[in-house]
C-alpha atoms as a PDB file:
ATOM      1  CA  MET A   1       2.231  -5.655  -3.525  1.00  0.00           C
ATOM      2  CA  GLN A   2       1.622  -3.642  -0.626  1.00  0.00           C
ATOM      3  CA  VAL A   3      -0.585  -0.479  -0.522  1.00  0.00           C
ATOM      4  CA  ILE A   4       0.051   3.010   0.892  1.00  0.00           C
ATOM      5  CA  TYR A   5      -2.944   5.383   1.535  1.00  0.00           C
ATOM      6  CA  ASP A   6      -2.186   9.015   0.623  1.00  0.00           C
ATOM      7  CA  VAL A   7      -4.975  10.639   2.541  1.00  0.00           C
ATOM      8  CA  GLY A   8      -5.034  14.620   1.628  1.00  0.00           C
ATOM      9  CA  ALA A   9      -2.991  14.067  -1.411  1.00  0.00           C
ATOM     10  CA  HIS A  10      -2.827  17.386  -2.658  1.00  0.00           C
ATOM     11  CA  LYS A  11      -0.938  17.663  -6.093  1.00  0.00           C
ATOM     12  CA  GLY A  12       0.380  14.482  -5.684  1.00  0.00           C
ATOM     13  CA  GLU A  13       3.771  15.009  -4.223  1.00  0.00           C
ATOM     14  CA  ASP A  14       3.829  11.999  -2.071  1.00  0.00           C
ATOM     15  CA  THR A  15       1.697   9.714  -4.184  1.00  0.00           C
ATOM     16  CA  ASP A  16       4.682  10.144  -6.622  1.00  0.00           C
ATOM     17  CA  PHE A  17       7.366   9.240  -4.015  1.00  0.00           C
ATOM     18  CA  TYR A  18       5.210   5.846  -3.272  1.00  0.00           C
ATOM     19  CA  LEU A  19       4.934   4.858  -6.562  1.00  0.00           C
ATOM     20  CA  LYS A  20       8.504   5.145  -7.233  1.00  0.00           C
ATOM     21  CA  LYS A  21       9.257   3.019  -4.170  1.00  0.00           C
ATOM     22  CA  GLY A  22       7.165   0.385  -5.757  1.00  0.00           C
ATOM     23  CA  PHE A  23       4.035   0.600  -4.153  1.00  0.00           C
ATOM     24  CA  GLU A  24       0.161   0.690  -4.950  1.00  0.00           C
ATOM     25  CA  VAL A  25      -1.306   3.661  -3.951  1.00  0.00           C
ATOM     26  CA  VAL A  26      -4.728   4.969  -2.847  1.00  0.00           C
ATOM     27  CA  ALA A  27      -4.642   8.836  -3.211  1.00  0.00           C
ATOM     28  CA  VAL A  28      -7.695  10.644  -1.531  1.00  0.00           C
ATOM     29  CA  GLU A  29      -8.069  14.460  -2.524  1.00  0.00           C
ATOM     30  CA  ALA A  30     -11.104  16.404  -1.897  1.00  0.00           C
ATOM     31  CA  ASN A  31     -10.178  19.341  -4.089  1.00  0.00           C
ATOM     32  CA  PRO A  32     -11.754  18.659  -7.193  1.00  0.00           C
ATOM     33  CA  ILE A  33      -9.237  20.831  -9.124  1.00  0.00           C
ATOM     34  CA  LEU A  34      -6.553  18.888  -7.402  1.00  0.00           C
ATOM     35  CA  ALA A  35      -7.960  15.697  -8.025  1.00  0.00           C
ATOM     36  CA  GLN A  36      -8.757  16.296 -11.582  1.00  0.00           C
ATOM     37  CA  ALA A  37      -4.856  17.339 -12.128  1.00  0.00           C
ATOM     38  CA  MET A  38      -3.691  14.098 -10.360  1.00  0.00           C
ATOM     39  CA  LEU A  39      -5.630  12.145 -12.496  1.00  0.00           C
ATOM     40  CA  ALA A  40      -4.155  13.855 -15.404  1.00  0.00           C
ATOM     41  CA  ARG A  41      -0.596  13.629 -13.788  1.00  0.00           C
ATOM     42  CA  PHE A  42      -0.629   9.826 -13.240  1.00  0.00           C
ATOM     43  CA  ARG A  43      -2.423   8.669 -16.105  1.00  0.00           C
ATOM     44  CA  GLU A  44      -0.073   5.600 -16.707  1.00  0.00           C
ATOM     45  CA  PRO A  45       0.027   4.022 -13.041  1.00  0.00           C
ATOM     46  CA  ILE A  46      -3.903   4.542 -13.008  1.00  0.00           C
ATOM     47  CA  ALA A  47      -4.096   2.479 -16.295  1.00  0.00           C
ATOM     48  CA  ALA A  48      -1.572   0.044 -14.554  1.00  0.00           C
ATOM     49  CA  GLY A  49      -3.694  -0.375 -11.522  1.00  0.00           C
ATOM     50  CA  ARG A  50      -1.161   1.064  -9.407  1.00  0.00           C
ATOM     51  CA  LEU A  51      -3.140   3.883  -8.250  1.00  0.00           C
ATOM     52  CA  THR A  52      -6.543   4.706  -7.462  1.00  0.00           C
ATOM     53  CA  VAL A  53      -7.405   8.298  -6.781  1.00  0.00           C
ATOM     54  CA  VAL A  54     -10.432   9.052  -4.549  1.00  0.00           C
ATOM     55  CA  GLN A  55     -12.017  12.275  -5.271  1.00  0.00           C
ATOM     56  CA  ALA A  56     -13.898  12.990  -2.191  1.00  0.00           C
ATOM     57  CA  ALA A  57     -13.504  14.271   1.440  1.00  0.00           C
ATOM     58  CA  VAL A  58     -13.017  11.842   4.442  1.00  0.00           C
ATOM     59  CA  ALA A  59     -16.036  13.016   6.874  1.00  0.00           C
ATOM     60  CA  GLN A  60     -18.444  10.972   9.171  1.00  0.00           C
ATOM     61  CA  GLN A  61     -21.250  10.106   6.645  1.00  0.00           C
ATOM     62  CA  ASP A  62     -21.009   9.099   2.992  1.00  0.00           C
ATOM     63  CA  GLY A  63     -22.813  11.219   0.646  1.00  0.00           C
ATOM     64  CA  GLU A  64     -21.735  15.238   0.202  1.00  0.00           C
ATOM     65  CA  VAL A  65     -19.984  17.765   2.695  1.00  0.00           C
ATOM     66  CA  GLU A  66     -19.197  21.364   2.452  1.00  0.00           C
ATOM     67  CA  PHE A  67     -15.304  21.769   1.816  1.00  0.00           C
ATOM     68  CA  PHE A  68     -13.160  25.237   2.072  1.00  0.00           C
ATOM     69  CA  THR A  69     -10.995  25.444  -0.640  1.00  0.00           C
ATOM     70  CA  ASN A  70      -8.325  27.999   0.038  1.00  0.00           C
ATOM     71  CA  GLU A  71      -5.993  30.393  -1.788  1.00  0.00           C
ATOM     72  CA  LEU A  72      -3.227  28.276  -0.287  1.00  0.00           C
ATOM     73  CA  SER A  73      -4.074  25.120  -1.620  1.00  0.00           C
ATOM     74  CA  VAL A  74      -3.006  23.100   0.783  1.00  0.00           C
ATOM     75  CA  TRP A  75      -5.121  24.537   3.471  1.00  0.00           C
ATOM     76  CA  GLY A  76      -8.273  22.880   2.226  1.00  0.00           C
ATOM     77  CA  THR A  77     -10.550  21.446   4.796  1.00  0.00           C
ATOM     78  CA  ILE A  78     -14.031  20.335   6.052  1.00  0.00           C
ATOM     79  CA  ARG A  79     -13.794  22.316   9.290  1.00  0.00           C
ATOM     80  CA  GLU A  80     -15.431  25.879   9.358  1.00  0.00           C
ATOM     81  CA  ASP A  81     -13.046  26.471  12.495  1.00  0.00           C
ATOM     82  CA  TRP A  82     -10.041  25.786  10.457  1.00  0.00           C
ATOM     83  CA  ALA A  83     -11.107  27.715   7.720  1.00  0.00           C
ATOM     84  CA  GLU A  84     -11.933  30.811  10.246  1.00  0.00           C
ATOM     85  CA  ARG A  85      -8.433  30.148  11.526  1.00  0.00           C
ATOM     86  CA  ASN A  86      -7.326  30.520   7.555  1.00  0.00           C
ATOM     87  CA  ARG A  87      -9.054  33.758   7.366  1.00  0.00           C
ATOM     88  CA  LYS A  88      -7.056  35.386  10.348  1.00  0.00           C
ATOM     89  CA  MET A  89      -4.054  34.323   8.829  1.00  0.00           C
ATOM     90  CA  GLY A  90      -4.577  36.140   5.994  1.00  0.00           C
ATOM     91  CA  ARG A  91      -5.829  33.371   3.462  1.00  0.00           C
ATOM     92  CA  GLN A  92      -9.545  33.155   2.339  1.00  0.00           C
ATOM     93  CA  SER A  93     -11.381  30.387   1.578  1.00  0.00           C
ATOM     94  CA  ALA A  94     -14.124  29.574  -0.800  1.00  0.00           C
ATOM     95  CA  ARG A  95     -17.103  26.924   0.216  1.00  0.00           C
ATOM     96  CA  ILE A  96     -18.137  24.280  -2.244  1.00  0.00           C
ATOM     97  CA  ARG A  97     -20.022  20.936  -1.794  1.00  0.00           C
ATOM     98  CA  VAL A  98     -17.697  17.442  -2.661  1.00  0.00           C
ATOM     99  CA  PRO A  99     -18.546  14.270  -2.572  1.00  0.00           C
ATOM    100  CA  ALA A 100     -17.832  12.336   1.104  1.00  0.00           C
ATOM    101  CA  VAL A 101     -16.766   9.320   2.320  1.00  0.00           C
ATOM    102  CA  ARG A 102     -16.243   6.998   5.462  1.00  0.00           C
ATOM    103  CA  PHE A 103     -13.025   6.011   5.784  1.00  0.00           C
ATOM    104  CA  SER A 104     -13.970   2.675   7.177  1.00  0.00           C
ATOM    105  CA  ARG A 105     -15.636   2.520   3.690  1.00  0.00           C
ATOM    106  CA  LEU A 106     -12.305   3.160   1.976  1.00  0.00           C
ATOM    107  CA  LEU A 107     -10.837   0.218   4.454  1.00  0.00           C
ATOM    108  CA  GLU A 108     -13.644  -1.971   3.090  1.00  0.00           C
ATOM    109  CA  LEU A 109     -12.942  -1.246  -0.667  1.00  0.00           C
ATOM    110  CA  HIS A 110      -8.937  -1.114  -0.581  1.00  0.00           C
ATOM    111  CA  GLY A 111      -8.033  -3.373   2.534  1.00  0.00           C
ATOM    112  CA  VAL A 112      -5.712  -1.851   5.164  1.00  0.00           C
ATOM    113  CA  PRO A 113      -2.595  -0.059   3.978  1.00  0.00           C
ATOM    114  CA  TYR A 114       0.734  -0.982   4.944  1.00  0.00           C
ATOM    115  CA  TYR A 115       1.556   2.765   5.577  1.00  0.00           C
ATOM    116  CA  LEU A 116      -1.188   5.279   6.279  1.00  0.00           C
ATOM    117  CA  LYS A 117      -0.379   8.723   5.710  1.00  0.00           C
ATOM    118  CA  ILE A 118      -2.991  11.326   6.937  1.00  0.00           C
ATOM    119  CA  ASP A 119      -2.883  15.235   6.316  1.00  0.00           C
ATOM    120  CA  ILE A 120      -6.111  16.668   5.811  1.00  0.00           C
ATOM    121  CA  GLU A 121      -6.335  19.777   8.252  1.00  0.00           C
ATOM    122  CA  GLY A 122      -7.742  19.098  11.380  1.00  0.00           C
ATOM    123  CA  ALA A 123      -9.737  16.361  10.178  1.00  0.00           C
ATOM    124  CA  ASP A 124      -7.083  13.547  10.758  1.00  0.00           C
ATOM    125  CA  MET A 125      -8.782  11.887  13.644  1.00  0.00           C
ATOM    126  CA  LEU A 126     -11.679  11.037  11.580  1.00  0.00           C
ATOM    127  CA  CYS A 127      -9.037   8.239  10.053  1.00  0.00           C
ATOM    128  CA  LEU A 128      -7.995   7.274  13.285  1.00  0.00           C
ATOM    129  CA  ARG A 129     -11.307   6.563  14.847  1.00  0.00           C
ATOM    130  CA  ALA A 130     -12.085   4.408  11.910  1.00  0.00           C
ATOM    131  CA  LEU A 131      -9.075   2.244  12.317  1.00  0.00           C
ATOM    132  CA  ALA A 132     -10.326   1.444  15.890  1.00  0.00           C
ATOM    133  CA  ASN A 133     -12.863  -0.945  14.150  1.00  0.00           C
ATOM    134  CA  THR A 134     -10.651  -2.781  12.335  1.00  0.00           C
ATOM    135  CA  ARG A 135      -8.987  -5.793  13.094  1.00  0.00           C
ATOM    136  CA  MET A 136      -5.465  -5.264  11.168  1.00  0.00           C
ATOM    137  CA  ARG A 137      -3.962  -1.888  11.281  1.00  0.00           C
ATOM    138  CA  PRO A 138      -1.071  -0.490   9.347  1.00  0.00           C
ATOM    139  CA  LYS A 139       2.481  -1.203  10.418  1.00  0.00           C
ATOM    140  CA  PHE A 140       3.010   2.546  10.287  1.00  0.00           C
ATOM    141  CA  LEU A 141       1.050   5.674  10.027  1.00  0.00           C
ATOM    142  CA  SER A 142       1.793   9.654  10.154  1.00  0.00           C
ATOM    143  CA  ILE A 143      -0.626  12.517  11.048  1.00  0.00           C
ATOM    144  CA  GLU A 144      -0.008  15.891  10.784  1.00  0.00           C
ATOM    145  CA  SER A 145      -0.263  17.094  14.531  1.00  0.00           C
ATOM    146  CA  ASN A 146      -1.883  19.768  16.392  1.00  0.00           C
ATOM    147  CA  LYS A 147       0.511  22.428  17.377  1.00  0.00           C
ATOM    148  CA  THR A 148      -1.894  24.718  19.197  1.00  0.00           C
ATOM    149  CA  SER A 149      -3.893  22.841  21.615  1.00  0.00           C
ATOM    150  CA  TRP A 150      -2.216  20.597  24.051  1.00  0.00           C
ATOM    151  CA  ARG A 151      -5.449  18.820  24.939  1.00  0.00           C
ATOM    152  CA  GLU A 152      -6.117  17.732  21.320  1.00  0.00           C
ATOM    153  CA  LEU A 153      -2.458  16.802  20.918  1.00  0.00           C
ATOM    154  CA  VAL A 154      -2.670  14.290  23.854  1.00  0.00           C
ATOM    155  CA  ALA A 155      -5.870  13.225  22.435  1.00  0.00           C
ATOM    156  CA  GLU A 156      -4.085  12.279  19.142  1.00  0.00           C
ATOM    157  CA  PHE A 157      -1.475   9.912  21.012  1.00  0.00           C
ATOM    158  CA  ASP A 158      -4.030   8.081  23.481  1.00  0.00           C
ATOM    159  CA  ALA A 159      -6.075   7.586  20.255  1.00  0.00           C
ATOM    160  CA  LEU A 160      -2.678   5.738  18.765  1.00  0.00           C
ATOM    161  CA  ARG A 161      -1.908   3.924  21.781  1.00  0.00           C
ATOM    162  CA  GLN A 162      -5.441   2.419  21.981  1.00  0.00           C
ATOM    163  CA  LEU A 163      -4.722   1.076  18.290  1.00  0.00           C
ATOM    164  CA  GLY A 164      -1.174   0.086  19.756  1.00  0.00           C
ATOM    165  CA  TYR A 165       0.951   1.984  18.285  1.00  0.00           C
ATOM    166  CA  ASN A 166       3.982   2.700  20.589  1.00  0.00           C
ATOM    167  CA  ARG A 167       6.757   4.135  18.958  1.00  0.00           C
ATOM    168  CA  PHE A 168       6.850   7.625  17.404  1.00  0.00           C
ATOM    169  CA  LYS A 169       8.907   9.989  15.476  1.00  0.00           C
ATOM    170  CA  VAL A 170       8.174  14.007  15.542  1.00  0.00           C
ATOM    171  CA  ILE A 171       9.113  15.213  11.699  1.00  0.00           C
ATOM    172  CA  ASN A 172       9.615  18.957  11.217  1.00  0.00           C
ATOM    173  CA  GLN A 173       7.855  19.689   7.756  1.00  0.00           C
ATOM    174  CA  ALA A 174      10.178  22.169   6.961  1.00  0.00           C
ATOM    175  CA  LYS A 175      13.116  19.766   7.146  1.00  0.00           C
ATOM    176  CA  VAL A 176      11.573  17.379   4.776  1.00  0.00           C
ATOM    177  CA  GLN A 177      13.145  18.344   1.621  1.00  0.00           C
ATOM    178  CA  GLN A 178      16.728  17.838   3.005  1.00  0.00           C
ATOM    179  CA  GLN A 179      15.825  14.339   3.756  1.00  0.00           C
ATOM    180  CA  GLN A 180      17.690  11.553   1.605  1.00  0.00           C
ATOM    181  CA  GLU A 181      16.771   7.981   1.335  1.00  0.00           C
ATOM    182  CA  PRO A 182      19.173   5.759   3.392  1.00  0.00           C
ATOM    183  CA  SER A 183      21.339   2.796   1.580  1.00  0.00           C
ATOM    184  CA  PRO A 184      20.441   0.363   1.636  1.00  0.00           C
ATOM    185  CA  VAL A 185      16.807   1.535   1.845  1.00  0.00           C
ATOM    186  CA  ARG A 186      14.382  -0.624   4.561  1.00  0.00           C
ATOM    187  CA  GLU A 187      11.339   0.570   2.633  1.00  0.00           C
ATOM    188  CA  GLY A 188      10.294  -0.832  -0.916  1.00  0.00           C
ATOM    189  CA  VAL A 189      13.049   0.397  -3.711  1.00  0.00           C
ATOM    190  CA  PHE A 190      15.713   2.812  -3.797  1.00  0.00           C
ATOM    191  CA  ALA A 191      13.793   5.748  -5.492  1.00  0.00           C
ATOM    192  CA  ASN A 192      16.486   8.468  -6.086  1.00  0.00           C
ATOM    193  CA  HIS A 193      13.602  11.054  -5.365  1.00  0.00           C
ATOM    194  CA  ARG A 194      14.323  14.569  -4.191  1.00  0.00           C
ATOM    195  CA  PHE A 195      11.265  15.831  -2.064  1.00  0.00           C
ATOM    196  CA  PRO A 196       9.483  18.848  -3.402  1.00  0.00           C
ATOM    197  CA  PRO A 197       8.143  21.202  -0.834  1.00  0.00           C
ATOM    198  CA  GLY A 198       4.761  20.034   0.933  1.00  0.00           C
ATOM    199  CA  SER A 199       5.951  16.694   0.784  1.00  0.00           C
ATOM    200  CA  SER A 200       5.602  14.246   3.626  1.00  0.00           C
ATOM    201  CA  GLY A 201       9.195  12.598   2.991  1.00  0.00           C
ATOM    202  CA  LEU A 202      10.204   9.279   3.828  1.00  0.00           C
ATOM    203  CA  PHE A 203       8.127   7.027   6.262  1.00  0.00           C
ATOM    204  CA  GLY A 204       8.625   3.959   8.203  1.00  0.00           C
ATOM    205  CA  ASP A 205      12.147   2.376   8.856  1.00  0.00           C
ATOM    206  CA  ASP A 206      13.704   4.736   6.301  1.00  0.00           C
ATOM    207  CA  LEU A 207      12.537   7.652   8.525  1.00  0.00           C
ATOM    208  CA  PRO A 208      15.763   9.569  10.385  1.00  0.00           C
ATOM    209  CA  GLY A 209      16.544   9.587  13.989  1.00  0.00           C
ATOM    210  CA  ALA A 210      15.708   7.245  16.927  1.00  0.00           C
ATOM    211  CA  TRP A 211      11.989   5.852  17.580  1.00  0.00           C
ATOM    212  CA  LEU A 212      10.791   7.360  20.993  1.00  0.00           C
ATOM    213  CA  ASN A 213       8.042   6.325  23.616  1.00  0.00           C
ATOM    214  CA  ARG A 214       5.219   8.104  24.326  1.00  0.00           C
ATOM    215  CA  ARG A 215       6.650  10.167  27.107  1.00  0.00           C
ATOM    216  CA  GLN A 216       9.717  11.107  24.751  1.00  0.00           C
ATOM    217  CA  ALA A 217       7.895  12.387  21.928  1.00  0.00           C
ATOM    218  CA  LEU A 218       5.206  14.262  24.028  1.00  0.00           C
ATOM    219  CA  ALA A 219       8.303  16.137  26.072  1.00  0.00           C
ATOM    220  CA  ARG A 220       9.761  16.884  22.118  1.00  0.00           C
ATOM    221  CA  TYR A 221       6.200  18.318  21.667  1.00  0.00           C
ATOM    222  CA  ALA A 222       6.439  20.457  24.899  1.00  0.00           C
ATOM    223  CA  LEU A 223       9.354  22.141  23.365  1.00  0.00           C
ATOM    224  CA  ILE A 224       7.172  23.252  20.110  1.00  0.00           C
ATOM    225  CA  PHE A 225       4.173  24.408  22.225  1.00  0.00           C
ATOM    226  CA  PHE A 226       6.695  26.591  24.134  1.00  0.00           C
ATOM    227  CA  ARG A 227       8.139  28.123  21.012  1.00  0.00           C
ATOM    228  CA  TYR A 228       4.853  28.253  19.269  1.00  0.00           C
ATOM    229  CA  ARG A 229       3.410  30.447  22.493  1.00  0.00           C
ATOM    230  CA  LEU A 230       6.326  32.745  21.970  1.00  0.00           C
ATOM    231  CA  PHE A 231       6.661  32.701  18.162  1.00  0.00           C
ATOM    232  CA  GLY A 232       3.680  31.245  16.648  1.00  0.00           C
ATOM    233  CA  ASP A 233       0.976  32.918  14.540  1.00  0.00           C
ATOM    234  CA  ASN A 234      -0.178  36.077  15.829  1.00  0.00           C
ATOM    235  CA  THR A 235       2.222  36.598  18.022  1.00  0.00           C
ATOM    236  CA  PHE A 236       4.478  39.566  19.053  1.00  0.00           C
ATOM    237  CA  GLY A 237       7.538  37.164  18.784  1.00  0.00           C
ATOM    238  CA  LYS A 238       6.801  35.985  15.622  1.00  0.00           C
ATOM    239  CA  GLU A 239       6.981  39.744  14.403  1.00  0.00           C
ATOM    240  CA  ILE A 240      10.182  40.260  16.176  1.00  0.00           C
ATOM    241  CA  ALA A 241      11.544  37.291  14.635  1.00  0.00           C
ATOM    242  CA  ARG A 242      10.583  38.203  11.230  1.00  0.00           C
ATOM    243  CA  ARG A 243      12.969  40.921  11.386  1.00  0.00           C
ATOM    244  CA  MET A 244      16.164  38.523  12.268  1.00  0.00           C
ATOM    245  CA  PRO A 245      18.370  36.926  10.117  1.00  0.00           C
ATOM    246  CA  ALA A 246      16.907  33.874   7.972  1.00  0.00           C
ATOM    247  CA  GLY A 247      18.726  31.274   9.974  1.00  0.00           C
ATOM    248  CA  LEU A 248      18.062  32.784  13.359  1.00  0.00           C
ATOM    249  CA  ARG A 249      14.398  33.204  12.097  1.00  0.00           C
ATOM    250  CA  ARG A 250      13.868  29.337  11.067  1.00  0.00           C
ATOM    251  CA  CYS A 251      15.049  28.506  14.698  1.00  0.00           C
ATOM    252  CA  LEU A 252      12.524  30.494  16.450  1.00  0.00           C
ATOM    253  CA  ILE A 253       9.487  30.268  14.397  1.00  0.00           C
ATOM    254  CA  PRO A 254       7.660  27.016  14.509  1.00  0.00           C
ATOM    255  CA  GLY A 255       6.317  25.346  11.680  1.00  0.00           C
ATOM    256  CA  TRP A 256       4.102  21.984  11.603  1.00  0.00           C
ATOM    257  CA  PHE A 257       4.795  18.741  12.475  1.00  0.00           C
ATOM    258  CA  ASP A 258       4.089  14.873  11.632  1.00  0.00           C
ATOM    259  CA  THR A 259       3.701  12.527  14.047  1.00  0.00           C
ATOM    260  CA  HIS A 260       4.961   8.901  12.597  1.00  0.00           C
ATOM    261  CA  ALA A 261       3.809   5.949  14.674  1.00  0.00           C
ATOM    262  CA  ALA A 262       4.797   2.195  14.405  1.00  0.00           C
ATOM    263  CA  ARG A 263       3.589  -0.609  16.005  1.00  0.00           C
ATOM    264  CA  GLY A 264       5.493  -3.620  17.629  1.00  0.00           C
ATOM    265  CA  PRO A 265       8.915  -3.457  19.393  1.00  0.00           C
END
């Protein structure tokens, strides 16, 4: 049975979907409260050996690391600069110590996945760097891409290219709840799943839209960055947009985007 890694599993929104699709799952979650909730929620697939919950933060070294829990639970991070960003956006964090694990160690223990979903608030590149030392690579992967630093975004695409990924899709997280599985499905089995808020949604060849090359994907992000400069966090444009009708407001204020990458033709 093929394996999917859910790195930054949160409350198991994506883990639930991957299990329904018939995959085995390795779910990694640093927040101890969320990890314990997953252990309770997914007792049956854990007992059946289809799900492994790793209660740790992906970090540069094994052991322990400082983790910033946030009142908005999806914003938990090991990066102090991201915690400061969250504070400026009105969301307070608390410092705790949590177990830490190198991503290369996870690969040693559980093997290379078919699909790798990464969403760990500013630390996604730790996983990509670890993949550079592996002979086998996931067929598909996704990361939550940077939307404020063009240099860091290009570095993400450079890392993906070096790993052999040459096809990309830019997925707006705000539209994931509208996604529907294709018929017939190309990934796993049909799950008849509705995506809750916070989901990463479809993956691999089930994703909507055409695959893009690197140049096309970066051109898509150039427009996103332009919108962010005008209407992003802590801008005057965002304050103006908030007073507009909901439909227009959603068009103007950019959200978060995932980059999905695939290897091969």
